[in-house]
Amino acid sequence: MDRQLSDVRLALCELWQAFGAAALLVRYGPDVPWPHASWAREAHAALTPRLRSVVELARPRGRIPSFLSGGVTSRRAGVADELDDMVSASAGLVRDELAREYPQAFADPLVAAVIRDPEAQLRYLAVEFSNFWRSAIEPRGVGLARSLEEEILFRSRTLAVGGGAALLRELGLPSERTDGVDRVTAVPMLFADGTPWWSVAGGRTVLSFTARGAGLLHADPGPRGAEQPPREDRLAILLGRGRASVVRELAVPITTSALADHLGLAASTVSQHLSALVSAGVVQRHRAGTRVLYELNRSGMALTQCLTNK
C-alpha cells in the first residue's frame, strides 16, 4: 500500500459538509441522534426535495457525484466558489457520469432532469445548496471552521510522520477504495454518522472521514457577544461562572492559551479549570504535535445540554 499511495492529501470542502448535513437529515429526518440532535431539529426545514434526491442518488454505494467534489481538487476556498465549480462542470461529463455510475438516476424525476439539462438543473441545485448552507450550517460556521482546521492539523502529523498509508489506517478508511490508486484526498466531515462517502474527481479518489468535535453542533449558534434573553444560568450555578465559561468554549478542540485569550482569563486559571474538568470526566485532552487540545467528551456534552435547556 505504501508503494501505491504516493500522493495522499488532507483537504477541506464546505460543499461536502453541506452534503453530509443533508444526508443526515435524509436518513433520520428531524430525529438525528446525538451529537447532531439539537442541530437537526432546527435544520430539517431547510432540506428540499432536490437536495434529498441528490443524497438518495449517492446513498446506495456511498459515491458522491464528481460535480460535488470540485472544491476538493481545485483548492478554492468557500462554499460559494465550490458551487461555482459545480455549475461550470461540463454538461457532457455530468450527463455521462450520472448515466454510467448511477443506474437508478432515471427513476427520480429531479435527477433525470439533470441528465436532460445539466446546465439549468445544476444552477437550481447550486441555489438550493447555497440556501441550505446559509440556514442550516452558516449560523454555526465559526465553530465549524475552527474545528475542521484543528482536525487537519491533528491528522497532518500522522501524514508527515507515518505517510499516506498510516493516515488512511488511522482514519479507518475502506481499503477497497484505495487499492490500486496512488492519489487520495481525505476530507474531514463534522456532519457524519460513519458513512464513508467517496468520489473520483480530477484523477483523485476523494474519501470522507468523521471529524472529532461534532459536539459544537450543540452550541448556541448566535454570534459571540450578541444580546441573549435573560435566563437562569444553571451551568454557572453548578460550576461557577469562570468554569462554566470554559465549558461553553470546549464544544470544539482548543488549547489552553487560545482558551485563555478567548475568555480574557489568566492561563493559570484556565489550566486549573481544565484540570478539574478532566478529573471530573467531562473533558478529554489529546496531543496534536506540540499542542495539547481540550474538548468536551460525550458526558460533558450531555451535562451541558441538560443544564442549558430548560
C-alpha atoms as a PDB file:
ATOM      1  CA  MET A   1       0.000   0.000   0.000  1.00  0.00           C
ATOM      2  CA  ASP A   2       2.826   2.443   0.811  1.00  0.00           C
ATOM      3  CA  ARG A   3       4.266   1.957  -2.686  1.00  0.00           C
ATOM      4  CA  GLN A   4       0.956   2.744  -4.387  1.00  0.00           C
ATOM      5  CA  LEU A   5      -0.153   5.657  -2.210  1.00  0.00           C
ATOM      6  CA  SER A   6       2.376   8.168  -3.473  1.00  0.00           C
ATOM      7  CA  ASP A   7       0.129  11.220  -3.125  1.00  0.00           C
ATOM      8  CA  VAL A   8      -2.191  11.463  -0.107  1.00  0.00           C
ATOM      9  CA  ARG A   9      -3.598  14.809   0.980  1.00  0.00           C
ATOM     10  CA  LEU A  10      -5.969  16.314   3.503  1.00  0.00           C
ATOM     11  CA  ALA A  11      -8.454  18.919   2.296  1.00  0.00           C
ATOM     12  CA  LEU A  12     -11.491  20.872   3.426  1.00  0.00           C
ATOM     13  CA  CYS A  13     -14.669  21.078   1.356  1.00  0.00           C
ATOM     14  CA  GLU A  14     -17.635  23.103   2.555  1.00  0.00           C
ATOM     15  CA  LEU A  15     -19.864  21.609  -0.136  1.00  0.00           C
ATOM     16  CA  TRP A  16     -19.189  18.146   1.267  1.00  0.00           C
ATOM     17  CA  GLN A  17     -20.108  19.452   4.732  1.00  0.00           C
ATOM     18  CA  ALA A  18     -23.434  20.579   3.283  1.00  0.00           C
ATOM     19  CA  PHE A  19     -23.926  17.242   1.543  1.00  0.00           C
ATOM     20  CA  GLY A  20     -23.165  15.355   4.761  1.00  0.00           C
ATOM     21  CA  ALA A  21     -25.610  17.513   6.690  1.00  0.00           C
ATOM     22  CA  ALA A  22     -28.350  16.901   4.116  1.00  0.00           C
ATOM     23  CA  ALA A  23     -27.560  13.174   4.198  1.00  0.00           C
ATOM     24  CA  LEU A  24     -28.096  13.049   7.965  1.00  0.00           C
ATOM     25  CA  LEU A  25     -31.489  14.716   7.574  1.00  0.00           C
ATOM     26  CA  VAL A  26     -32.483  12.370   4.733  1.00  0.00           C
ATOM     27  CA  ARG A  27     -31.554   9.301   6.770  1.00  0.00           C
ATOM     28  CA  TYR A  28     -33.051  10.283  10.121  1.00  0.00           C
ATOM     29  CA  GLY A  29     -35.475  13.131   9.494  1.00  0.00           C
ATOM     30  CA  PRO A  30     -35.637  15.597  12.381  1.00  0.00           C
ATOM     31  CA  ASP A  31     -34.680  12.812  14.840  1.00  0.00           C
ATOM     32  CA  VAL A  32     -30.956  12.665  14.076  1.00  0.00           C
ATOM     33  CA  PRO A  33     -29.166  11.031  17.026  1.00  0.00           C
ATOM     34  CA  TRP A  34     -26.543  12.603  19.286  1.00  0.00           C
ATOM     35  CA  PRO A  35     -24.448  14.680  18.767  1.00  0.00           C
ATOM     36  CA  HIS A  36     -26.448  16.246  15.916  1.00  0.00           C
ATOM     37  CA  ALA A  37     -29.898  16.101  17.509  1.00  0.00           C
ATOM     38  CA  SER A  38     -30.424  19.733  18.506  1.00  0.00           C
ATOM     39  CA  TRP A  39     -28.971  20.974  15.209  1.00  0.00           C
ATOM     40  CA  ALA A  40     -31.234  18.675  13.170  1.00  0.00           C
ATOM     41  CA  ARG A  41     -34.423  19.911  14.812  1.00  0.00           C
ATOM     42  CA  GLU A  42     -33.589  23.435  13.631  1.00  0.00           C
ATOM     43  CA  ALA A  43     -32.163  22.466  10.224  1.00  0.00           C
ATOM     44  CA  HIS A  44     -34.716  19.953   8.973  1.00  0.00           C
ATOM     45  CA  ALA A  45     -36.976  22.575   7.413  1.00  0.00           C
ATOM     46  CA  ALA A  46     -34.127  23.659   5.104  1.00  0.00           C
ATOM     47  CA  LEU A  47     -33.972  20.292   3.312  1.00  0.00           C
ATOM     48  CA  THR A  48     -35.521  20.490  -0.172  1.00  0.00           C
ATOM     49  CA  PRO A  49     -36.751  17.694  -2.474  1.00  0.00           C
ATOM     50  CA  ARG A  50     -33.870  18.351  -4.896  1.00  0.00           C
ATOM     51  CA  LEU A  51     -31.240  18.005  -2.140  1.00  0.00           C
ATOM     52  CA  ARG A  52     -32.975  14.855  -0.945  1.00  0.00           C
ATOM     53  CA  SER A  53     -32.803  13.410  -4.463  1.00  0.00           C
ATOM     54  CA  VAL A  54     -29.051  14.050  -4.743  1.00  0.00           C
ATOM     55  CA  VAL A  55     -28.434  12.343  -1.400  1.00  0.00           C
ATOM     56  CA  GLU A  56     -30.626   9.367  -2.326  1.00  0.00           C
ATOM     57  CA  LEU A  57     -28.672   9.092  -5.576  1.00  0.00           C
ATOM     58  CA  ALA A  58     -25.394   8.705  -3.674  1.00  0.00           C
ATOM     59  CA  ARG A  59     -26.552   6.533  -0.778  1.00  0.00           C
ATOM     60  CA  PRO A  60     -26.596   3.004  -2.308  1.00  0.00           C
ATOM     61  CA  ARG A  61     -22.824   2.976  -2.975  1.00  0.00           C
ATOM     62  CA  GLY A  62     -21.786   5.962  -0.870  1.00  0.00           C
ATOM     63  CA  ARG A  63     -20.468   7.595  -4.045  1.00  0.00           C
ATOM     64  CA  ILE A  64     -20.887  11.372  -4.288  1.00  0.00           C
ATOM     65  CA  PRO A  65     -21.112  12.670  -7.881  1.00  0.00           C
ATOM     66  CA  SER A  66     -17.847  14.236  -9.008  1.00  0.00           C
ATOM     67  CA  PHE A  67     -19.521  17.578  -9.755  1.00  0.00           C
ATOM     68  CA  LEU A  68     -19.888  17.991  -5.970  1.00  0.00           C
ATOM     69  CA  SER A  69     -16.141  17.469  -5.456  1.00  0.00           C
ATOM     70  CA  GLY A  70     -14.646  20.374  -7.406  1.00  0.00           C
ATOM     71  CA  GLY A  71     -13.761  22.263  -4.250  1.00  0.00           C
ATOM     72  CA  VAL A  72     -11.556  19.400  -3.081  1.00  0.00           C
ATOM     73  CA  THR A  73      -9.455  19.257  -6.236  1.00  0.00           C
ATOM     74  CA  SER A  74      -9.291  22.950  -7.099  1.00  0.00           C
ATOM     75  CA  ARG A  75      -8.384  24.115  -3.560  1.00  0.00           C
ATOM     76  CA  ARG A  76     -10.767  27.046  -3.953  1.00  0.00           C
ATOM     77  CA  ALA A  77     -11.966  28.258  -0.572  1.00  0.00           C
ATOM     78  CA  GLY A  78     -15.587  28.608   0.460  1.00  0.00           C
ATOM     79  CA  VAL A  79     -18.898  27.098  -0.487  1.00  0.00           C
ATOM     80  CA  ALA A  80     -19.680  29.893  -2.970  1.00  0.00           C
ATOM     81  CA  ASP A  81     -16.564  29.103  -5.035  1.00  0.00           C
ATOM     82  CA  GLU A  82     -17.248  25.378  -4.783  1.00  0.00           C
ATOM     83  CA  LEU A  83     -20.778  25.916  -6.089  1.00  0.00           C
ATOM     84  CA  ASP A  84     -19.331  27.965  -8.957  1.00  0.00           C
ATOM     85  CA  ASP A  85     -17.167  24.955  -9.807  1.00  0.00           C
ATOM     86  CA  MET A  86     -20.245  22.736  -9.747  1.00  0.00           C
ATOM     87  CA  VAL A  87     -22.258  24.991 -12.048  1.00  0.00           C
ATOM     88  CA  SER A  88     -19.380  25.197 -14.525  1.00  0.00           C
ATOM     89  CA  ALA A  89     -18.967  21.406 -14.745  1.00  0.00           C
ATOM     90  CA  SER A  90     -19.020  20.035 -18.283  1.00  0.00           C
ATOM     91  CA  ALA A  91     -22.585  19.145 -19.229  1.00  0.00           C
ATOM     92  CA  GLY A  92     -21.395  16.125 -21.192  1.00  0.00           C
ATOM     93  CA  LEU A  93     -19.326  14.774 -18.297  1.00  0.00           C
ATOM     94  CA  VAL A  94     -22.206  15.288 -15.836  1.00  0.00           C
ATOM     95  CA  ARG A  95     -24.655  13.537 -18.134  1.00  0.00           C
ATOM     96  CA  ASP A  96     -22.276  10.642 -18.853  1.00  0.00           C
ATOM     97  CA  GLU A  97     -21.340  10.130 -15.203  1.00  0.00           C
ATOM     98  CA  LEU A  98     -24.926  10.041 -13.992  1.00  0.00           C
ATOM     99  CA  ALA A  99     -25.973   7.604 -16.706  1.00  0.00           C
ATOM    100  CA  ARG A 100     -22.914   5.375 -16.184  1.00  0.00           C
ATOM    101  CA  GLU A 101     -22.400   5.379 -12.406  1.00  0.00           C
ATOM    102  CA  TYR A 102     -25.952   5.811 -11.111  1.00  0.00           C
ATOM    103  CA  PRO A 103     -28.320   3.416 -12.876  1.00  0.00           C
ATOM    104  CA  GLN A 104     -31.180   4.462 -10.586  1.00  0.00           C
ATOM    105  CA  ALA A 105     -30.895   8.083 -11.716  1.00  0.00           C
ATOM    106  CA  PHE A 106     -33.647   7.873 -14.319  1.00  0.00           C
ATOM    107  CA  ALA A 107     -36.146   6.702 -11.700  1.00  0.00           C
ATOM    108  CA  ASP A 108     -36.061  10.065  -9.918  1.00  0.00           C
ATOM    109  CA  PRO A 109     -37.628  12.881 -11.947  1.00  0.00           C
ATOM    110  CA  LEU A 110     -35.372  15.534 -10.405  1.00  0.00           C
ATOM    111  CA  VAL A 111     -32.180  13.616 -11.187  1.00  0.00           C
ATOM    112  CA  ALA A 112     -33.445  12.641 -14.632  1.00  0.00           C
ATOM    113  CA  ALA A 113     -33.885  16.365 -15.277  1.00  0.00           C
ATOM    114  CA  VAL A 114     -30.175  16.890 -14.557  1.00  0.00           C
ATOM    115  CA  ILE A 115     -29.331  14.328 -17.226  1.00  0.00           C
ATOM    116  CA  ARG A 116     -31.579  16.080 -19.750  1.00  0.00           C
ATOM    117  CA  ASP A 117     -30.425  19.628 -18.976  1.00  0.00           C
ATOM    118  CA  PRO A 118     -27.325  19.721 -16.731  1.00  0.00           C
ATOM    119  CA  GLU A 119     -26.656  23.455 -17.105  1.00  0.00           C
ATOM    120  CA  ALA A 120     -30.033  24.623 -15.832  1.00  0.00           C
ATOM    121  CA  GLN A 121     -30.502  21.929 -13.199  1.00  0.00           C
ATOM    122  CA  LEU A 122     -27.056  22.453 -11.655  1.00  0.00           C
ATOM    123  CA  ARG A 123     -27.855  26.158 -11.325  1.00  0.00           C
ATOM    124  CA  TYR A 124     -31.048  25.273  -9.459  1.00  0.00           C
ATOM    125  CA  LEU A 125     -29.109  22.817  -7.287  1.00  0.00           C
ATOM    126  CA  ALA A 126     -26.471  25.449  -6.522  1.00  0.00           C
ATOM    127  CA  VAL A 127     -29.133  27.877  -5.306  1.00  0.00           C
ATOM    128  CA  GLU A 128     -30.646  25.242  -3.024  1.00  0.00           C
ATOM    129  CA  PHE A 129     -27.255  24.186  -1.612  1.00  0.00           C
ATOM    130  CA  SER A 130     -26.443  27.861  -1.002  1.00  0.00           C
ATOM    131  CA  ASN A 131     -29.734  28.433   0.819  1.00  0.00           C
ATOM    132  CA  PHE A 132     -29.249  25.235   2.827  1.00  0.00           C
ATOM    133  CA  TRP A 133     -25.748  26.357   3.821  1.00  0.00           C
ATOM    134  CA  ARG A 134     -26.956  29.775   4.965  1.00  0.00           C
ATOM    135  CA  SER A 135     -29.870  28.489   7.030  1.00  0.00           C
ATOM    136  CA  ALA A 136     -28.598  25.136   8.350  1.00  0.00           C
ATOM    137  CA  ILE A 137     -24.821  25.461   8.597  1.00  0.00           C
ATOM    138  CA  GLU A 138     -23.606  29.058   8.428  1.00  0.00           C
ATOM    139  CA  PRO A 139     -25.072  30.004  11.846  1.00  0.00           C
ATOM    140  CA  ARG A 140     -22.521  27.579  13.321  1.00  0.00           C
ATOM    141  CA  GLY A 141     -19.817  28.482  10.823  1.00  0.00           C
ATOM    142  CA  VAL A 142     -17.179  29.959  13.145  1.00  0.00           C
ATOM    143  CA  GLY A 143     -17.035  26.926  15.395  1.00  0.00           C
ATOM    144  CA  LEU A 144     -17.314  24.526  12.468  1.00  0.00           C
ATOM    145  CA  ALA A 145     -14.397  26.108  10.609  1.00  0.00           C
ATOM    146  CA  ARG A 146     -12.210  26.177  13.714  1.00  0.00           C
ATOM    147  CA  SER A 147     -12.906  22.535  14.491  1.00  0.00           C
ATOM    148  CA  LEU A 148     -12.151  21.376  10.938  1.00  0.00           C
ATOM    149  CA  GLU A 149      -8.904  23.347  10.847  1.00  0.00           C
ATOM    150  CA  GLU A 150      -7.857  21.711  14.122  1.00  0.00           C
ATOM    151  CA  GLU A 151      -8.729  18.311  12.634  1.00  0.00           C
ATOM    152  CA  ILE A 152      -6.499  18.932   9.616  1.00  0.00           C
ATOM    153  CA  LEU A 153      -3.601  19.968  11.871  1.00  0.00           C
ATOM    154  CA  PHE A 154      -4.119  16.949  14.126  1.00  0.00           C
ATOM    155  CA  ARG A 155      -4.151  14.452  11.230  1.00  0.00           C
ATOM    156  CA  SER A 156      -1.286  16.150   9.389  1.00  0.00           C
ATOM    157  CA  ARG A 157       1.158  14.899  11.998  1.00  0.00           C
ATOM    158  CA  THR A 158       0.331  11.284  11.154  1.00  0.00           C
ATOM    159  CA  LEU A 159       0.659  12.056   7.457  1.00  0.00           C
ATOM    160  CA  ALA A 160       4.036  13.747   7.950  1.00  0.00           C
ATOM    161  CA  VAL A 161       5.479  11.086  10.253  1.00  0.00           C
ATOM    162  CA  GLY A 162       3.880   7.865   9.023  1.00  0.00           C
ATOM    163  CA  GLY A 163       2.962   8.590   5.417  1.00  0.00           C
ATOM    164  CA  GLY A 164      -0.254   8.215   3.466  1.00  0.00           C
ATOM    165  CA  ALA A 165      -0.918   4.578   4.292  1.00  0.00           C
ATOM    166  CA  ALA A 166      -0.566   5.260   8.029  1.00  0.00           C
ATOM    167  CA  LEU A 167      -3.033   8.142   7.776  1.00  0.00           C
ATOM    168  CA  LEU A 168      -5.640   6.055   5.965  1.00  0.00           C
ATOM    169  CA  ARG A 169      -5.262   3.263   8.533  1.00  0.00           C
ATOM    170  CA  GLU A 170      -5.683   5.758  11.378  1.00  0.00           C
ATOM    171  CA  LEU A 171      -8.826   7.145   9.762  1.00  0.00           C
ATOM    172  CA  GLY A 172     -10.241   3.663   9.165  1.00  0.00           C
ATOM    173  CA  LEU A 173     -10.941   4.410   5.509  1.00  0.00           C
ATOM    174  CA  PRO A 174     -12.048   1.379   3.441  1.00  0.00           C
ATOM    175  CA  SER A 175      -9.127  -0.333   1.681  1.00  0.00           C
ATOM    176  CA  GLU A 176     -11.296  -1.266  -1.291  1.00  0.00           C
ATOM    177  CA  ARG A 177     -11.451   2.437  -2.180  1.00  0.00           C
ATOM    178  CA  THR A 178      -7.662   2.905  -2.087  1.00  0.00           C
ATOM    179  CA  ASP A 179      -6.358  -0.372  -3.556  1.00  0.00           C
ATOM    180  CA  GLY A 180      -4.773   0.231  -6.946  1.00  0.00           C
ATOM    181  CA  VAL A 181      -4.803   4.043  -6.700  1.00  0.00           C
ATOM    182  CA  ASP A 182      -1.974   6.435  -5.953  1.00  0.00           C
ATOM    183  CA  ARG A 183      -3.733   9.797  -5.457  1.00  0.00           C
ATOM    184  CA  VAL A 184      -6.096  10.116  -2.499  1.00  0.00           C
ATOM    185  CA  THR A 185      -7.636  13.127  -0.765  1.00  0.00           C
ATOM    186  CA  ALA A 186      -9.178  12.691   2.692  1.00  0.00           C
ATOM    187  CA  VAL A 187     -11.890  15.170   3.707  1.00  0.00           C
ATOM    188  CA  PRO A 188     -12.980  15.585   7.373  1.00  0.00           C
ATOM    189  CA  MET A 189     -16.738  15.911   7.897  1.00  0.00           C
ATOM    190  CA  LEU A 190     -18.472  17.033  11.082  1.00  0.00           C
ATOM    191  CA  PHE A 191     -21.913  16.176   9.728  1.00  0.00           C
ATOM    192  CA  ALA A 192     -21.414  12.428   9.596  1.00  0.00           C
ATOM    193  CA  ASP A 193     -22.682   9.199  11.112  1.00  0.00           C
ATOM    194  CA  GLY A 194     -19.851   6.915   9.995  1.00  0.00           C
ATOM    195  CA  THR A 195     -20.975   6.595   6.365  1.00  0.00           C
ATOM    196  CA  PRO A 196     -17.753   6.505   4.269  1.00  0.00           C
ATOM    197  CA  TRP A 197     -18.615   8.833   1.382  1.00  0.00           C
ATOM    198  CA  TRP A 198     -16.303   8.771  -1.626  1.00  0.00           C
ATOM    199  CA  SER A 199     -15.902  10.184  -5.121  1.00  0.00           C
ATOM    200  CA  VAL A 200     -13.497  10.271  -8.040  1.00  0.00           C
ATOM    201  CA  ALA A 201     -12.667  13.775  -9.271  1.00  0.00           C
ATOM    202  CA  GLY A 202      -9.751  15.300 -11.124  1.00  0.00           C
ATOM    203  CA  GLY A 203      -7.960  11.951 -11.208  1.00  0.00           C
ATOM    204  CA  ARG A 204      -8.099  11.620  -7.421  1.00  0.00           C
ATOM    205  CA  THR A 205     -10.056   9.330  -5.152  1.00  0.00           C
ATOM    206  CA  VAL A 206     -11.741  11.506  -2.527  1.00  0.00           C
ATOM    207  CA  LEU A 207     -12.796   9.906   0.767  1.00  0.00           C
ATOM    208  CA  SER A 208     -14.594  11.370   3.750  1.00  0.00           C
ATOM    209  CA  PHE A 209     -13.873  10.615   7.387  1.00  0.00           C
ATOM    210  CA  THR A 210     -15.704  11.605  10.547  1.00  0.00           C
ATOM    211  CA  ALA A 211     -14.002  14.521  12.280  1.00  0.00           C
ATOM    212  CA  ARG A 212     -13.875  14.944  16.025  1.00  0.00           C
ATOM    213  CA  GLY A 213     -15.567  17.929  17.629  1.00  0.00           C
ATOM    214  CA  ALA A 214     -19.102  17.393  16.353  1.00  0.00           C
ATOM    215  CA  GLY A 215     -20.264  18.486  19.798  1.00  0.00           C
ATOM    216  CA  LEU A 216     -20.075  22.090  18.600  1.00  0.00           C
ATOM    217  CA  LEU A 217     -23.463  21.424  16.977  1.00  0.00           C
ATOM    218  CA  HIS A 218     -24.945  21.597  20.484  1.00  0.00           C
ATOM    219  CA  ALA A 219     -23.599  25.107  20.915  1.00  0.00           C
ATOM    220  CA  ASP A 220     -25.641  28.275  20.740  1.00  0.00           C
ATOM    221  CA  PRO A 221     -25.423  29.383  17.061  1.00  0.00           C
ATOM    222  CA  GLY A 222     -25.823  33.077  17.832  1.00  0.00           C
ATOM    223  CA  PRO A 223     -22.875  35.416  17.236  1.00  0.00           C
ATOM    224  CA  ARG A 224     -20.411  35.840  20.050  1.00  0.00           C
ATOM    225  CA  GLY A 225     -21.284  38.840  22.157  1.00  0.00           C
ATOM    226  CA  ALA A 226     -24.868  39.087  20.849  1.00  0.00           C
ATOM    227  CA  GLU A 227     -27.570  40.037  23.305  1.00  0.00           C
ATOM    228  CA  GLN A 228     -29.288  36.980  24.739  1.00  0.00           C
ATOM    229  CA  PRO A 229     -32.595  36.837  26.597  1.00  0.00           C
ATOM    230  CA  PRO A 230     -32.066  36.835  30.377  1.00  0.00           C
ATOM    231  CA  ARG A 231     -32.264  33.355  31.803  1.00  0.00           C
ATOM    232  CA  GLU A 232     -31.175  31.396  34.831  1.00  0.00           C
ATOM    233  CA  ASP A 233     -27.628  30.174  34.218  1.00  0.00           C
ATOM    234  CA  ARG A 234     -27.839  26.725  35.750  1.00  0.00           C
ATOM    235  CA  LEU A 235     -24.404  25.739  34.464  1.00  0.00           C
ATOM    236  CA  ALA A 236     -22.839  28.696  36.301  1.00  0.00           C
ATOM    237  CA  ILE A 237     -24.821  27.868  39.463  1.00  0.00           C
ATOM    238  CA  LEU A 238     -23.349  24.354  39.426  1.00  0.00           C
ATOM    239  CA  LEU A 239     -19.785  25.099  38.308  1.00  0.00           C
ATOM    240  CA  GLY A 240     -19.244  28.786  38.979  1.00  0.00           C
ATOM    241  CA  ARG A 241     -19.149  31.458  36.302  1.00  0.00           C
ATOM    242  CA  GLY A 242     -15.481  31.064  35.359  1.00  0.00           C
ATOM    243  CA  ARG A 243     -15.589  27.303  34.948  1.00  0.00           C
ATOM    244  CA  ALA A 244     -18.933  27.482  33.139  1.00  0.00           C
ATOM    245  CA  SER A 245     -17.441  29.915  30.620  1.00  0.00           C
ATOM    246  CA  VAL A 246     -14.616  27.449  29.992  1.00  0.00           C
ATOM    247  CA  VAL A 247     -17.062  24.581  29.470  1.00  0.00           C
ATOM    248  CA  ARG A 248     -19.031  26.555  26.884  1.00  0.00           C
ATOM    249  CA  GLU A 249     -15.888  27.046  24.770  1.00  0.00           C
ATOM    250  CA  LEU A 250     -14.997  23.346  24.731  1.00  0.00           C
ATOM    251  CA  ALA A 251     -17.522  22.183  22.138  1.00  0.00           C
ATOM    252  CA  VAL A 252     -14.569  22.273  19.716  1.00  0.00           C
ATOM    253  CA  PRO A 253     -10.924  21.322  20.430  1.00  0.00           C
ATOM    254  CA  ILE A 254      -8.853  24.233  21.724  1.00  0.00           C
ATOM    255  CA  THR A 255      -5.546  24.834  23.510  1.00  0.00           C
ATOM    256  CA  THR A 256      -5.169  26.337  26.978  1.00  0.00           C
ATOM    257  CA  SER A 257      -3.547  29.505  25.661  1.00  0.00           C
ATOM    258  CA  ALA A 258      -6.160  30.046  22.948  1.00  0.00           C
ATOM    259  CA  LEU A 259      -8.923  29.496  25.502  1.00  0.00           C
ATOM    260  CA  ALA A 260      -7.344  31.984  27.901  1.00  0.00           C
ATOM    261  CA  ASP A 261      -7.064  34.598  25.142  1.00  0.00           C
ATOM    262  CA  HIS A 262     -10.634  33.984  24.067  1.00  0.00           C
ATOM    263  CA  LEU A 263     -12.062  34.394  27.571  1.00  0.00           C
ATOM    264  CA  GLY A 264      -9.690  37.086  28.814  1.00  0.00           C
ATOM    265  CA  LEU A 265      -8.588  34.904  31.741  1.00  0.00           C
ATOM    266  CA  ALA A 266      -5.120  34.073  33.049  1.00  0.00           C
ATOM    267  CA  ALA A 267      -3.655  30.911  31.522  1.00  0.00           C
ATOM    268  CA  SER A 268      -3.040  29.516  35.015  1.00  0.00           C
ATOM    269  CA  THR A 269      -6.720  29.990  35.905  1.00  0.00           C
ATOM    270  CA  VAL A 270      -7.868  28.252  32.716  1.00  0.00           C
ATOM    271  CA  SER A 271      -5.399  25.435  33.349  1.00  0.00           C
ATOM    272  CA  GLN A 272      -6.853  24.863  36.838  1.00  0.00           C
ATOM    273  CA  HIS A 273     -10.379  24.756  35.437  1.00  0.00           C
ATOM    274  CA  LEU A 274      -9.346  22.287  32.719  1.00  0.00           C
ATOM    275  CA  SER A 275      -7.568  20.003  35.191  1.00  0.00           C
ATOM    276  CA  ALA A 276     -10.683  19.871  37.359  1.00  0.00           C
ATOM    277  CA  LEU A 277     -12.933  19.161  34.376  1.00  0.00           C
ATOM    278  CA  VAL A 278     -10.650  16.372  33.149  1.00  0.00           C
ATOM    279  CA  SER A 279     -10.619  14.845  36.641  1.00  0.00           C
ATOM    280  CA  ALA A 280     -14.420  15.046  36.705  1.00  0.00           C
ATOM    281  CA  GLY A 281     -14.583  13.011  33.500  1.00  0.00           C
ATOM    282  CA  VAL A 282     -16.374  15.591  31.357  1.00  0.00           C
ATOM    283  CA  VAL A 283     -13.391  16.873  29.321  1.00  0.00           C
ATOM    284  CA  GLN A 284     -10.842  14.948  27.301  1.00  0.00           C
ATOM    285  CA  ARG A 285      -7.415  16.047  26.135  1.00  0.00           C
ATOM    286  CA  HIS A 286      -5.195  14.843  23.311  1.00  0.00           C
ATOM    287  CA  ARG A 287      -1.896  15.882  21.801  1.00  0.00           C
ATOM    288  CA  ALA A 288      -1.534  17.274  18.252  1.00  0.00           C
ATOM    289  CA  GLY A 289       2.170  17.726  17.615  1.00  0.00           C
ATOM    290  CA  THR A 290       3.474  20.086  20.286  1.00  0.00           C
ATOM    291  CA  ARG A 291      -0.002  21.283  21.295  1.00  0.00           C
ATOM    292  CA  VAL A 292      -2.451  19.803  23.787  1.00  0.00           C
ATOM    293  CA  LEU A 293      -6.109  20.222  22.823  1.00  0.00           C
ATOM    294  CA  TYR A 294      -9.101  20.044  25.165  1.00  0.00           C
ATOM    295  CA  GLU A 295     -12.744  19.352  24.311  1.00  0.00           C
ATOM    296  CA  LEU A 296     -15.903  18.092  25.977  1.00  0.00           C
ATOM    297  CA  ASN A 297     -16.471  14.356  25.803  1.00  0.00           C
ATOM    298  CA  ARG A 298     -19.888  12.765  25.491  1.00  0.00           C
ATOM    299  CA  SER A 299     -20.600  13.057  29.214  1.00  0.00           C
ATOM    300  CA  GLY A 300     -19.641  16.721  29.165  1.00  0.00           C
ATOM    301  CA  MET A 301     -21.901  17.365  26.199  1.00  0.00           C
ATOM    302  CA  ALA A 302     -24.824  15.619  27.880  1.00  0.00           C
ATOM    303  CA  LEU A 303     -24.298  17.611  31.084  1.00  0.00           C
ATOM    304  CA  THR A 304     -24.055  20.913  29.206  1.00  0.00           C
ATOM    305  CA  GLN A 305     -27.103  20.192  27.097  1.00  0.00           C
ATOM    306  CA  CYS A 306     -29.132  19.229  30.146  1.00  0.00           C
ATOM    307  CA  LEU A 307     -28.241  22.375  32.076  1.00  0.00           C
ATOM    308  CA  THR A 308     -28.646  24.819  29.210  1.00  0.00           C
ATOM    309  CA  ASN A 309     -32.058  23.558  28.064  1.00  0.00           C
ATOM    310  CA  LYS A 310     -34.966  24.001  30.408  1.00  0.00           C
END
